């Protein structure tokens, strides 16, 4: 039976980006992530959130975008500051704890087919 790979003791880089929302005069909402050079516009805040998530998913498929995002992360680890963008090194144990907490939160969300019961 093959052995499980060893866990690396190296820290994990954790990035948090807080989206920003700007109401437009026509009622639409512009959404963007600080430090990024792109934005989306939704009919309302919920639509802007959906469009922002879709755009991030699309951009994460682009190796050039991923490389740029990695470079921005490295600059922040070296001391650059952008309000709403945080990069830090955390321990493997803290990373695994965050994964468990995130999974629990997702599990507790109502499914679209169940509604808010």
PDB file of N, CA and C in Angstrom:
ATOM      1  N   UNK A   1       0.841  -1.167   0.000  1.00  0.00           N
ATOM      2  CA  UNK A   1       0.000   0.000   0.000  1.00  0.00           C
ATOM      3  C   UNK A   1       0.894   1.241   0.000  1.00  0.00           C
ATOM      4  N   UNK A   2       0.643   2.192  -0.920  1.00  0.00           N
ATOM      5  CA  UNK A   2       1.478   3.394  -0.946  1.00  0.00           C
ATOM      6  C   UNK A   2       1.240   4.248   0.292  1.00  0.00           C
ATOM      7  N   UNK A   3       2.299   4.907   0.715  1.00  0.00           N
ATOM      8  CA  UNK A   3       2.196   5.780   1.875  1.00  0.00           C
ATOM      9  C   UNK A   3       1.597   7.122   1.458  1.00  0.00           C
ATOM     10  N   UNK A   4       0.914   7.735   2.397  1.00  0.00           N
ATOM     11  CA  UNK A   4       0.369   9.069   2.149  1.00  0.00           C
ATOM     12  C   UNK A   4       1.521  10.057   2.059  1.00  0.00           C
ATOM     13  N   UNK A   5       1.413  11.066   1.197  1.00  0.00           N
ATOM     14  CA  UNK A   5       2.489  12.051   1.120  1.00  0.00           C
ATOM     15  C   UNK A   5       2.622  12.803   2.437  1.00  0.00           C
ATOM     16  N   UNK A   6       3.847  13.178   2.754  1.00  0.00           N
ATOM     17  CA  UNK A   6       4.093  13.933   3.978  1.00  0.00           C
ATOM     18  C   UNK A   6       3.540  15.341   3.844  1.00  0.00           C
ATOM     19  N   UNK A   7       3.022  15.853   4.947  1.00  0.00           N
ATOM     20  CA  UNK A   7       2.544  17.226   4.970  1.00  0.00           C
ATOM     21  C   UNK A   7       3.746  18.158   5.063  1.00  0.00           C
ATOM     22  N   UNK A   8       3.754  19.163   4.242  1.00  0.00           N
ATOM     23  CA  UNK A   8       4.837  20.136   4.266  1.00  0.00           C
ATOM     24  C   UNK A   8       4.716  21.011   5.513  1.00  0.00           C
ATOM     25  N   UNK A   9       5.831  21.247   6.210  1.00  0.00           N
ATOM     26  CA  UNK A   9       5.782  22.137   7.373  1.00  0.00           C
ATOM     27  C   UNK A   9       5.791  23.612   6.958  1.00  0.00           C
ATOM     28  N   UNK A  10       5.972  23.868   5.650  1.00  0.00           N
ATOM     29  CA  UNK A  10       6.050  25.246   5.177  1.00  0.00           C
ATOM     30  C   UNK A  10       4.725  25.962   5.411  1.00  0.00           C
ATOM     31  N   UNK A  11       4.798  27.268   5.672  1.00  0.00           N
ATOM     32  CA  UNK A  11       3.556  28.026   5.843  1.00  0.00           C
ATOM     33  C   UNK A  11       2.780  28.098   4.522  1.00  0.00           C
ATOM     34  N   UNK A  12       1.502  28.380   4.641  1.00  0.00           N
ATOM     35  CA  UNK A  12       0.605  28.524   3.504  1.00  0.00           C
ATOM     36  C   UNK A  12       0.305  30.003   3.339  1.00  0.00           C
ATOM     37  N   UNK A  13       0.301  30.492   2.118  1.00  0.00           N
ATOM     38  CA  UNK A  13      -0.047  31.892   1.871  1.00  0.00           C
ATOM     39  C   UNK A  13      -1.564  31.988   1.784  1.00  0.00           C
ATOM     40  N   UNK A  14      -2.128  32.864   2.605  1.00  0.00           N
ATOM     41  CA  UNK A  14      -3.571  33.055   2.655  1.00  0.00           C
ATOM     42  C   UNK A  14      -3.885  34.469   2.174  1.00  0.00           C
ATOM     43  N   UNK A  15      -4.775  34.580   1.195  1.00  0.00           N
ATOM     44  CA  UNK A  15      -5.170  35.875   0.638  1.00  0.00           C
ATOM     45  C   UNK A  15      -6.644  36.108   0.929  1.00  0.00           C
ATOM     46  N   UNK A  16      -6.940  37.306   1.392  1.00  0.00           N
ATOM     47  CA  UNK A  16      -8.321  37.726   1.605  1.00  0.00           C
ATOM     48  C   UNK A  16      -8.533  39.018   0.840  1.00  0.00           C
ATOM     49  N   UNK A  17      -9.574  39.045   0.013  1.00  0.00           N
ATOM     50  CA  UNK A  17      -9.950  40.266  -0.689  1.00  0.00           C
ATOM     51  C   UNK A  17     -11.392  40.588  -0.318  1.00  0.00           C
ATOM     52  N   UNK A  18     -11.620  41.809   0.106  1.00  0.00           N
ATOM     53  CA  UNK A  18     -12.961  42.258   0.444  1.00  0.00           C
ATOM     54  C   UNK A  18     -13.506  43.075  -0.719  1.00  0.00           C
ATOM     55  N   UNK A  19     -14.581  42.609  -1.360  1.00  0.00           N
ATOM     56  CA  UNK A  19     -15.116  43.353  -2.500  1.00  0.00           C
ATOM     57  C   UNK A  19     -15.662  44.709  -2.077  1.00  0.00           C
ATOM     58  N   UNK A  20     -15.645  45.618  -3.006  1.00  0.00           N
ATOM     59  CA  UNK A  20     -16.196  46.955  -2.801  1.00  0.00           C
ATOM     60  C   UNK A  20     -17.387  47.114  -3.737  1.00  0.00           C
ATOM     61  N   UNK A  21     -18.406  47.828  -3.268  1.00  0.00           N
ATOM     62  CA  UNK A  21     -19.622  48.056  -4.042  1.00  0.00           C
ATOM     63  C   UNK A  21     -19.906  49.549  -4.092  1.00  0.00           C
ATOM     64  N   UNK A  22     -20.201  50.030  -5.288  1.00  0.00           N
ATOM     65  CA  UNK A  22     -20.486  51.445  -5.476  1.00  0.00           C
ATOM     66  C   UNK A  22     -21.824  51.564  -6.195  1.00  0.00           C
ATOM     67  N   UNK A  23     -22.801  52.207  -5.528  1.00  0.00           N
ATOM     68  CA  UNK A  23     -24.105  52.422  -6.156  1.00  0.00           C
ATOM     69  C   UNK A  23     -23.967  53.490  -7.228  1.00  0.00           C
ATOM     70  N   UNK A  24     -24.544  53.209  -8.378  1.00  0.00           N
ATOM     71  CA  UNK A  24     -24.512  54.133  -9.506  1.00  0.00           C
ATOM     72  C   UNK A  24     -25.801  54.976  -9.506  1.00  0.00           C
ATOM     73  N   UNK A  25     -25.769  56.097 -10.176  1.00  0.00           N
ATOM     74  CA  UNK A  25     -26.929  56.998 -10.197  1.00  0.00           C
ATOM     75  C   UNK A  25     -28.161  56.361 -10.837  1.00  0.00           C
ATOM     76  N   UNK A  26     -27.963  55.368 -11.685  1.00  0.00           N
ATOM     77  CA  UNK A  26     -29.094  54.701 -12.345  1.00  0.00           C
ATOM     78  C   UNK A  26     -29.614  53.497 -11.556  1.00  0.00           C
ATOM     79  N   UNK A  27     -29.086  53.282 -10.330  1.00  0.00           N
ATOM     80  CA  UNK A  27     -29.539  52.186  -9.484  1.00  0.00           C
ATOM     81  C   UNK A  27     -28.715  50.924  -9.608  1.00  0.00           C
ATOM     82  N   UNK A  28     -27.901  50.843 -10.644  1.00  0.00           N
ATOM     83  CA  UNK A  28     -27.051  49.663 -10.780  1.00  0.00           C
ATOM     84  C   UNK A  28     -25.917  49.740  -9.754  1.00  0.00           C
ATOM     85  N   UNK A  29     -25.207  48.638  -9.584  1.00  0.00           N
ATOM     86  CA  UNK A  29     -24.126  48.569  -8.600  1.00  0.00           C
ATOM     87  C   UNK A  29     -22.854  48.094  -9.277  1.00  0.00           C
ATOM     88  N   UNK A  30     -21.797  48.881  -9.092  1.00  0.00           N
ATOM     89  CA  UNK A  30     -20.464  48.519  -9.599  1.00  0.00           C
ATOM     90  C   UNK A  30     -19.746  47.766  -8.489  1.00  0.00           C
ATOM     91  N   UNK A  31     -19.127  46.632  -8.833  1.00  0.00           N
ATOM     92  CA  UNK A  31     -18.414  45.821  -7.850  1.00  0.00           C
ATOM     93  C   UNK A  31     -17.001  45.547  -8.342  1.00  0.00           C
ATOM     94  N   UNK A  32     -16.049  45.605  -7.420  1.00  0.00           N
ATOM     95  CA  UNK A  32     -14.654  45.353  -7.767  1.00  0.00           C
ATOM     96  C   UNK A  32     -13.892  44.894  -6.539  1.00  0.00           C
ATOM     97  N   UNK A  33     -12.717  44.359  -6.780  1.00  0.00           N
ATOM     98  CA  UNK A  33     -11.800  43.994  -5.711  1.00  0.00           C
ATOM     99  C   UNK A  33     -10.663  45.007  -5.690  1.00  0.00           C
ATOM    100  N   UNK A  34     -10.346  45.548  -4.510  1.00  0.00           N
ATOM    101  CA  UNK A  34      -9.223  46.479  -4.416  1.00  0.00           C
ATOM    102  C   UNK A  34      -7.935  45.858  -4.953  1.00  0.00           C
ATOM    103  N   UNK A  35      -7.185  46.666  -5.674  1.00  0.00           N
ATOM    104  CA  UNK A  35      -5.920  46.205  -6.240  1.00  0.00           C
ATOM    105  C   UNK A  35      -6.063  45.605  -7.616  1.00  0.00           C
ATOM    106  N   UNK A  36      -7.287  45.339  -8.047  1.00  0.00           N
ATOM    107  CA  UNK A  36      -7.537  44.764  -9.367  1.00  0.00           C
ATOM    108  C   UNK A  36      -7.867  45.896 -10.344  1.00  0.00           C
ATOM    109  N   UNK A  37      -7.655  45.644 -11.637  1.00  0.00           N
ATOM    110  CA  UNK A  37      -7.903  46.678 -12.646  1.00  0.00           C
ATOM    111  C   UNK A  37      -9.179  46.390 -13.455  1.00  0.00           C
ATOM    112  N   UNK A  38     -10.118  45.679 -12.871  1.00  0.00           N
ATOM    113  CA  UNK A  38     -11.355  45.341 -13.555  1.00  0.00           C
ATOM    114  C   UNK A  38     -12.521  45.457 -12.580  1.00  0.00           C
ATOM    115  N   UNK A  39     -13.729  45.525 -13.124  1.00  0.00           N
ATOM    116  CA  UNK A  39     -14.930  45.604 -12.303  1.00  0.00           C
ATOM    117  C   UNK A  39     -16.100  45.013 -13.091  1.00  0.00           C
ATOM    118  N   UNK A  40     -17.212  44.800 -12.403  1.00  0.00           N
ATOM    119  CA  UNK A  40     -18.449  44.359 -13.030  1.00  0.00           C
ATOM    120  C   UNK A  40     -19.558  45.308 -12.592  1.00  0.00           C
ATOM    121  N   UNK A  41     -20.654  45.314 -13.326  1.00  0.00           N
ATOM    122  CA  UNK A  41     -21.815  46.125 -12.962  1.00  0.00           C
ATOM    123  C   UNK A  41     -23.032  45.220 -12.970  1.00  0.00           C
ATOM    124  N   UNK A  42     -23.770  45.254 -11.871  1.00  0.00           N
ATOM    125  CA  UNK A  42     -24.977  44.447 -11.758  1.00  0.00           C
ATOM    126  C   UNK A  42     -26.211  45.311 -11.640  1.00  0.00           C
ATOM    127  N   UNK A  43     -27.357  44.708 -11.873  1.00  0.00           N
ATOM    128  CA  UNK A  43     -28.628  45.423 -11.764  1.00  0.00           C
ATOM    129  C   UNK A  43     -28.874  45.892 -10.328  1.00  0.00           C
ATOM    130  N   UNK A  44     -28.384  45.112  -9.353  1.00  0.00           N
ATOM    131  CA  UNK A  44     -28.463  45.455  -7.935  1.00  0.00           C
ATOM    132  C   UNK A  44     -27.274  44.780  -7.251  1.00  0.00           C
ATOM    133  N   UNK A  45     -27.201  44.887  -5.943  1.00  0.00           N
ATOM    134  CA  UNK A  45     -26.040  44.326  -5.227  1.00  0.00           C
ATOM    135  C   UNK A  45     -25.938  42.807  -5.408  1.00  0.00           C
ATOM    136  N   UNK A  46     -27.060  42.103  -5.290  1.00  0.00           N
ATOM    137  CA  UNK A  46     -27.034  40.642  -5.437  1.00  0.00           C
ATOM    138  C   UNK A  46     -26.547  40.244  -6.834  1.00  0.00           C
ATOM    139  N   UNK A  47     -27.007  40.956  -7.853  1.00  0.00           N
ATOM    140  CA  UNK A  47     -26.569  40.669  -9.218  1.00  0.00           C
ATOM    141  C   UNK A  47     -25.077  40.983  -9.362  1.00  0.00           C
ATOM    142  N   UNK A  48     -24.629  42.066  -8.742  1.00  0.00           N
ATOM    143  CA  UNK A  48     -23.203  42.424  -8.799  1.00  0.00           C
ATOM    144  C   UNK A  48     -22.349  41.351  -8.121  1.00  0.00           C
ATOM    145  N   UNK A  49     -22.816  40.806  -7.005  1.00  0.00           N
ATOM    146  CA  UNK A  49     -22.095  39.728  -6.314  1.00  0.00           C
ATOM    147  C   UNK A  49     -21.979  38.514  -7.230  1.00  0.00           C
ATOM    148  N   UNK A  50     -23.088  38.142  -7.855  1.00  0.00           N
ATOM    149  CA  UNK A  50     -23.068  36.990  -8.773  1.00  0.00           C
ATOM    150  C   UNK A  50     -22.106  37.223  -9.934  1.00  0.00           C
ATOM    151  N   UNK A  51     -22.151  38.419 -10.509  1.00  0.00           N
ATOM    152  CA  UNK A  51     -21.279  38.724 -11.647  1.00  0.00           C
ATOM    153  C   UNK A  51     -19.815  38.766 -11.225  1.00  0.00           C
ATOM    154  N   UNK A  52     -19.558  39.281 -10.025  1.00  0.00           N
ATOM    155  CA  UNK A  52     -18.189  39.330  -9.512  1.00  0.00           C
ATOM    156  C   UNK A  52     -17.646  37.911  -9.344  1.00  0.00           C
ATOM    157  N   UNK A  53     -18.449  37.023  -8.759  1.00  0.00           N
ATOM    158  CA  UNK A  53     -18.027  35.627  -8.567  1.00  0.00           C
ATOM    159  C   UNK A  53     -17.781  34.948  -9.911  1.00  0.00           C
ATOM    160  N   UNK A  54     -18.671  35.176 -10.861  1.00  0.00           N
ATOM    161  CA  UNK A  54     -18.496  34.578 -12.192  1.00  0.00           C
ATOM    162  C   UNK A  54     -17.224  35.077 -12.864  1.00  0.00           C
ATOM    163  N   UNK A  55     -16.957  36.372 -12.728  1.00  0.00           N
ATOM    164  CA  UNK A  55     -15.764  36.950 -13.370  1.00  0.00           C
ATOM    165  C   UNK A  55     -14.481  36.419 -12.728  1.00  0.00           C
ATOM    166  N   UNK A  56     -14.474  36.276 -11.412  1.00  0.00           N
ATOM    167  CA  UNK A  56     -13.301  35.713 -10.732  1.00  0.00           C
ATOM    168  C   UNK A  56     -13.069  34.285 -11.209  1.00  0.00           C
ATOM    169  N   UNK A  57     -14.137  33.494 -11.278  1.00  0.00           N
ATOM    170  CA  UNK A  57     -13.996  32.110 -11.749  1.00  0.00           C
ATOM    171  C   UNK A  57     -13.411  32.075 -13.155  1.00  0.00           C
ATOM    172  N   UNK A  58     -13.879  32.950 -14.019  1.00  0.00           N
ATOM    173  CA  UNK A  58     -13.380  33.018 -15.387  1.00  0.00           C
ATOM    174  C   UNK A  58     -11.908  33.435 -15.415  1.00  0.00           C
ATOM    175  N   UNK A  59     -11.570  34.463 -14.659  1.00  0.00           N
ATOM    176  CA  UNK A  59     -10.186  34.965 -14.651  1.00  0.00           C
ATOM    177  C   UNK A  59      -9.210  33.955 -14.066  1.00  0.00           C
ATOM    178  N   UNK A  60      -9.655  33.156 -13.104  1.00  0.00           N
ATOM    179  CA  UNK A  60      -8.759  32.167 -12.502  1.00  0.00           C
ATOM    180  C   UNK A  60      -8.397  31.051 -13.484  1.00  0.00           C
ATOM    181  N   UNK A  61      -9.064  31.006 -14.625  1.00  0.00           N
ATOM    182  CA  UNK A  61      -8.714  30.044 -15.679  1.00  0.00           C
ATOM    183  C   UNK A  61      -7.629  30.586 -16.600  1.00  0.00           C
ATOM    184  N   UNK A  62      -7.302  31.875 -16.448  1.00  0.00           N
ATOM    185  CA  UNK A  62      -6.319  32.534 -17.300  1.00  0.00           C
ATOM    186  C   UNK A  62      -4.953  32.537 -16.596  1.00  0.00           C
ATOM    187  N   UNK A  63      -3.951  31.826 -17.117  1.00  0.00           N
ATOM    188  CA  UNK A  63      -2.644  31.752 -16.458  1.00  0.00           C
ATOM    189  C   UNK A  63      -1.987  33.131 -16.266  1.00  0.00           C
ATOM    190  N   UNK A  64      -2.221  34.062 -17.181  1.00  0.00           N
ATOM    191  CA  UNK A  64      -1.643  35.400 -17.028  1.00  0.00           C
ATOM    192  C   UNK A  64      -2.254  36.121 -15.823  1.00  0.00           C
ATOM    193  N   UNK A  65      -3.562  35.988 -15.647  1.00  0.00           N
ATOM    194  CA  UNK A  65      -4.224  36.600 -14.498  1.00  0.00           C
ATOM    195  C   UNK A  65      -3.708  35.972 -13.210  1.00  0.00           C
ATOM    196  N   UNK A  66      -3.615  34.659 -13.182  1.00  0.00           N
ATOM    197  CA  UNK A  66      -3.131  33.962 -11.987  1.00  0.00           C
ATOM    198  C   UNK A  66      -1.714  34.428 -11.651  1.00  0.00           C
ATOM    199  N   UNK A  67      -0.870  34.574 -12.662  1.00  0.00           N
ATOM    200  CA  UNK A  67       0.506  35.047 -12.441  1.00  0.00           C
ATOM    201  C   UNK A  67       0.509  36.469 -11.893  1.00  0.00           C
ATOM    202  N   UNK A  68      -0.338  37.338 -12.439  1.00  0.00           N
ATOM    203  CA  UNK A  68      -0.430  38.716 -11.938  1.00  0.00           C
ATOM    204  C   UNK A  68      -0.920  38.733 -10.493  1.00  0.00           C
ATOM    205  N   UNK A  69      -1.906  37.903 -10.187  1.00  0.00           N
ATOM    206  CA  UNK A  69      -2.450  37.844  -8.831  1.00  0.00           C
ATOM    207  C   UNK A  69      -1.391  37.322  -7.860  1.00  0.00           C
ATOM    208  N   UNK A  70      -0.622  36.324  -8.302  1.00  0.00           N
ATOM    209  CA  UNK A  70       0.466  35.802  -7.473  1.00  0.00           C
ATOM    210  C   UNK A  70       1.507  36.892  -7.211  1.00  0.00           C
ATOM    211  N   UNK A  71       1.842  37.667  -8.243  1.00  0.00           N
ATOM    212  CA  UNK A  71       2.816  38.754  -8.086  1.00  0.00           C
ATOM    213  C   UNK A  71       2.297  39.799  -7.102  1.00  0.00           C
ATOM    214  N   UNK A  72       1.014  40.137  -7.186  1.00  0.00           N
ATOM    215  CA  UNK A  72       0.429  41.098  -6.246  1.00  0.00           C
ATOM    216  C   UNK A  72       0.500  40.544  -4.824  1.00  0.00           C
ATOM    217  N   UNK A  73       0.227  39.261  -4.678  1.00  0.00           N
ATOM    218  CA  UNK A  73       0.304  38.616  -3.365  1.00  0.00           C
ATOM    219  C   UNK A  73       1.728  38.707  -2.814  1.00  0.00           C
ATOM    220  N   UNK A  74       2.715  38.437  -3.639  1.00  0.00           N
ATOM    221  CA  UNK A  74       4.111  38.512  -3.206  1.00  0.00           C
ATOM    222  C   UNK A  74       4.484  39.929  -2.779  1.00  0.00           C
ATOM    223  N   UNK A  75       4.004  40.926  -3.518  1.00  0.00           N
ATOM    224  CA  UNK A  75       4.278  42.327  -3.151  1.00  0.00           C
ATOM    225  C   UNK A  75       3.663  42.646  -1.786  1.00  0.00           C
ATOM    226  N   UNK A  76       2.482  42.129  -1.519  1.00  0.00           N
ATOM    227  CA  UNK A  76       1.843  42.384  -0.226  1.00  0.00           C
ATOM    228  C   UNK A  76       2.559  41.653   0.904  1.00  0.00           C
ATOM    229  N   UNK A  77       3.051  40.473   0.628  1.00  0.00           N
ATOM    230  CA  UNK A  77       3.844  39.779   1.651  1.00  0.00           C
ATOM    231  C   UNK A  77       5.121  40.556   1.963  1.00  0.00           C
ATOM    232  N   UNK A  78       5.622  41.296   0.971  1.00  0.00           N
ATOM    233  CA  UNK A  78       6.847  42.087   1.143  1.00  0.00           C
ATOM    234  C   UNK A  78       6.574  43.470   1.737  1.00  0.00           C
ATOM    235  N   UNK A  79       5.292  43.808   1.971  1.00  0.00           N
ATOM    236  CA  UNK A  79       4.995  45.070   2.638  1.00  0.00           C
ATOM    237  C   UNK A  79       4.053  46.022   1.925  1.00  0.00           C
ATOM    238  N   UNK A  80       3.737  45.771   0.671  1.00  0.00           N
ATOM    239  CA  UNK A  80       2.783  46.642  -0.024  1.00  0.00           C
ATOM    240  C   UNK A  80       1.429  46.551   0.670  1.00  0.00           C
ATOM    241  N   UNK A  81       0.702  47.652   0.699  1.00  0.00           N
ATOM    242  CA  UNK A  81      -0.607  47.662   1.343  1.00  0.00           C
ATOM    243  C   UNK A  81      -1.664  48.209   0.397  1.00  0.00           C
ATOM    244  N   UNK A  82      -2.756  47.480   0.297  1.00  0.00           N
ATOM    245  CA  UNK A  82      -3.941  47.915  -0.431  1.00  0.00           C
ATOM    246  C   UNK A  82      -5.121  47.621   0.477  1.00  0.00           C
ATOM    247  N   UNK A  83      -5.856  48.649   0.929  1.00  0.00           N
ATOM    248  CA  UNK A  83      -7.019  48.376   1.777  1.00  0.00           C
ATOM    249  C   UNK A  83      -7.974  47.398   1.082  1.00  0.00           C
ATOM    250  N   UNK A  84      -8.373  46.363   1.803  1.00  0.00           N
ATOM    251  CA  UNK A  84      -9.274  45.362   1.247  1.00  0.00           C
ATOM    252  C   UNK A  84      -8.562  44.153   0.662  1.00  0.00           C
ATOM    253  N   UNK A  85      -7.229  44.201   0.592  1.00  0.00           N
ATOM    254  CA  UNK A  85      -6.441  43.063   0.097  1.00  0.00           C
ATOM    255  C   UNK A  85      -5.423  42.727   1.178  1.00  0.00           C
ATOM    256  N   UNK A  86      -5.492  41.508   1.662  1.00  0.00           N
ATOM    257  CA  UNK A  86      -4.550  41.079   2.691  1.00  0.00           C
ATOM    258  C   UNK A  86      -3.923  39.748   2.291  1.00  0.00           C
ATOM    259  N   UNK A  87      -2.626  39.658   2.480  1.00  0.00           N
ATOM    260  CA  UNK A  87      -1.899  38.415   2.239  1.00  0.00           C
ATOM    261  C   UNK A  87      -1.054  38.139   3.474  1.00  0.00           C
ATOM    262  N   UNK A  88      -1.109  36.913   3.946  1.00  0.00           N
ATOM    263  CA  UNK A  88      -0.317  36.544   5.121  1.00  0.00           C
ATOM    264  C   UNK A  88       0.066  35.080   5.022  1.00  0.00           C
ATOM    265  N   UNK A  89       1.082  34.732   5.764  1.00  0.00           N
ATOM    266  CA  UNK A  89       1.481  33.332   5.863  1.00  0.00           C
ATOM    267  C   UNK A  89       0.862  32.765   7.128  1.00  0.00           C
ATOM    268  N   UNK A  90       0.225  31.615   6.986  1.00  0.00           N
ATOM    269  CA  UNK A  90      -0.384  30.955   8.138  1.00  0.00           C
ATOM    270  C   UNK A  90       0.161  29.524   8.205  1.00  0.00           C
ATOM    271  N   UNK A  91       0.026  28.921   9.359  1.00  0.00           N
ATOM    272  CA  UNK A  91       0.524  27.555   9.527  1.00  0.00           C
ATOM    273  C   UNK A  91      -0.385  26.580   8.782  1.00  0.00           C
ATOM    274  N   UNK A  92       0.141  25.420   8.501  1.00  0.00           N
ATOM    275  CA  UNK A  92      -0.639  24.373   7.840  1.00  0.00           C
ATOM    276  C   UNK A  92      -1.861  24.020   8.699  1.00  0.00           C
ATOM    277  N   UNK A  93      -1.678  23.965  10.022  1.00  0.00           N
ATOM    278  CA  UNK A  93      -2.793  23.642  10.915  1.00  0.00           C
ATOM    279  C   UNK A  93      -3.894  24.691  10.853  1.00  0.00           C
ATOM    280  N   UNK A  94      -3.503  25.969  10.841  1.00  0.00           N
ATOM    281  CA  UNK A  94      -4.504  27.035  10.740  1.00  0.00           C
ATOM    282  C   UNK A  94      -5.218  26.966   9.396  1.00  0.00           C
ATOM    283  N   UNK A  95      -4.471  26.674   8.325  1.00  0.00           N
ATOM    284  CA  UNK A  95      -5.058  26.530   6.994  1.00  0.00           C
ATOM    285  C   UNK A  95      -6.108  25.414   6.998  1.00  0.00           C
ATOM    286  N   UNK A  96      -5.743  24.261   7.555  1.00  0.00           N
ATOM    287  CA  UNK A  96      -6.675  23.134   7.586  1.00  0.00           C
ATOM    288  C   UNK A  96      -7.911  23.471   8.416  1.00  0.00           C
ATOM    289  N   UNK A  97      -7.724  24.214   9.520  1.00  0.00           N
ATOM    290  CA  UNK A  97      -8.862  24.641  10.339  1.00  0.00           C
ATOM    291  C   UNK A  97      -9.791  25.547   9.531  1.00  0.00           C
ATOM    292  N   UNK A  98      -9.212  26.489   8.778  1.00  0.00           N
ATOM    293  CA  UNK A  98     -10.030  27.396   7.960  1.00  0.00           C
ATOM    294  C   UNK A  98     -10.821  26.632   6.898  1.00  0.00           C
ATOM    295  N   UNK A  99     -10.224  25.602   6.340  1.00  0.00           N
ATOM    296  CA  UNK A  99     -10.932  24.784   5.337  1.00  0.00           C
ATOM    297  C   UNK A  99     -12.140  24.100   5.975  1.00  0.00           C
ATOM    298  N   UNK A 100     -11.951  23.569   7.176  1.00  0.00           N
ATOM    299  CA  UNK A 100     -13.047  22.887   7.870  1.00  0.00           C
ATOM    300  C   UNK A 100     -14.161  23.878   8.185  1.00  0.00           C
ATOM    301  N   UNK A 101     -13.805  25.049   8.697  1.00  0.00           N
ATOM    302  CA  UNK A 101     -14.808  26.067   9.028  1.00  0.00           C
ATOM    303  C   UNK A 101     -15.557  26.507   7.768  1.00  0.00           C
ATOM    304  N   UNK A 102     -14.833  26.738   6.675  1.00  0.00           N
ATOM    305  CA  UNK A 102     -15.474  27.148   5.429  1.00  0.00           C
ATOM    306  C   UNK A 102     -16.423  26.067   4.927  1.00  0.00           C
ATOM    307  N   UNK A 103     -16.001  24.830   4.993  1.00  0.00           N
ATOM    308  CA  UNK A 103     -16.854  23.725   4.547  1.00  0.00           C
ATOM    309  C   UNK A 103     -18.106  23.636   5.406  1.00  0.00           C
ATOM    310  N   UNK A 104     -17.963  23.831   6.716  1.00  0.00           N
ATOM    311  CA  UNK A 104     -19.126  23.803   7.604  1.00  0.00           C
ATOM    312  C   UNK A 104     -20.096  24.925   7.261  1.00  0.00           C
ATOM    313  N   UNK A 105     -19.567  26.114   6.979  1.00  0.00           N
ATOM    314  CA  UNK A 105     -20.437  27.249   6.613  1.00  0.00           C
ATOM    315  C   UNK A 105     -21.179  26.961   5.310  1.00  0.00           C
ATOM    316  N   UNK A 106     -20.476  26.403   4.332  1.00  0.00           N
ATOM    317  CA  UNK A 106     -21.131  26.073   3.065  1.00  0.00           C
ATOM    318  C   UNK A 106     -22.199  25.008   3.269  1.00  0.00           C
ATOM    319  N   UNK A 107     -21.904  24.045   4.120  1.00  0.00           N
ATOM    320  CA  UNK A 107     -22.858  22.969   4.396  1.00  0.00           C
ATOM    321  C   UNK A 107     -24.135  23.520   5.027  1.00  0.00           C
ATOM    322  N   UNK A 108     -24.008  24.571   5.847  1.00  0.00           N
ATOM    323  CA  UNK A 108     -25.151  25.133   6.557  1.00  0.00           C
ATOM    324  C   UNK A 108     -25.996  26.078   5.701  1.00  0.00           C
ATOM    325  N   UNK A 109     -25.495  26.484   4.525  1.00  0.00           N
ATOM    326  CA  UNK A 109     -26.271  27.376   3.658  1.00  0.00           C
ATOM    327  C   UNK A 109     -27.449  26.614   3.061  1.00  0.00           C
ATOM    328  N   UNK A 110     -28.590  27.298   2.927  1.00  0.00           N
ATOM    329  CA  UNK A 110     -29.717  26.615   2.270  1.00  0.00           C
ATOM    330  C   UNK A 110     -29.401  26.365   0.802  1.00  0.00           C
ATOM    331  N   UNK A 111     -29.825  25.200   0.332  1.00  0.00           N
ATOM    332  CA  UNK A 111     -29.633  24.873  -1.073  1.00  0.00           C
ATOM    333  C   UNK A 111     -30.734  25.554  -1.881  1.00  0.00           C
ATOM    334  N   UNK A 112     -30.406  25.956  -3.129  1.00  0.00           N
ATOM    335  CA  UNK A 112     -31.410  26.649  -3.947  1.00  0.00           C
ATOM    336  C   UNK A 112     -32.704  25.862  -4.082  1.00  0.00           C
ATOM    337  N   UNK A 113     -32.635  24.538  -4.113  1.00  0.00           N
ATOM    338  CA  UNK A 113     -33.841  23.734  -4.277  1.00  0.00           C
ATOM    339  C   UNK A 113     -34.634  23.593  -2.980  1.00  0.00           C
ATOM    340  N   UNK A 114     -34.036  24.034  -1.838  1.00  0.00           N
ATOM    341  CA  UNK A 114     -34.727  23.928  -0.560  1.00  0.00           C
ATOM    342  C   UNK A 114     -35.329  25.253  -0.111  1.00  0.00           C
ATOM    343  N   UNK A 115     -34.826  26.363  -0.621  1.00  0.00           N
ATOM    344  CA  UNK A 115     -35.303  27.656  -0.166  1.00  0.00           C
ATOM    345  C   UNK A 115     -34.830  27.936   1.242  1.00  0.00           C
ATOM    346  N   UNK A 116     -35.356  28.963   1.838  1.00  0.00           N
ATOM    347  CA  UNK A 116     -34.991  29.347   3.214  1.00  0.00           C
ATOM    348  C   UNK A 116     -35.988  28.731   4.174  1.00  0.00           C
ATOM    349  N   UNK A 117     -35.717  27.553   4.624  1.00  0.00           N
ATOM    350  CA  UNK A 117     -36.640  26.865   5.524  1.00  0.00           C
ATOM    351  C   UNK A 117     -36.202  27.016   6.952  1.00  0.00           C
TER     352      UNK A 117
END
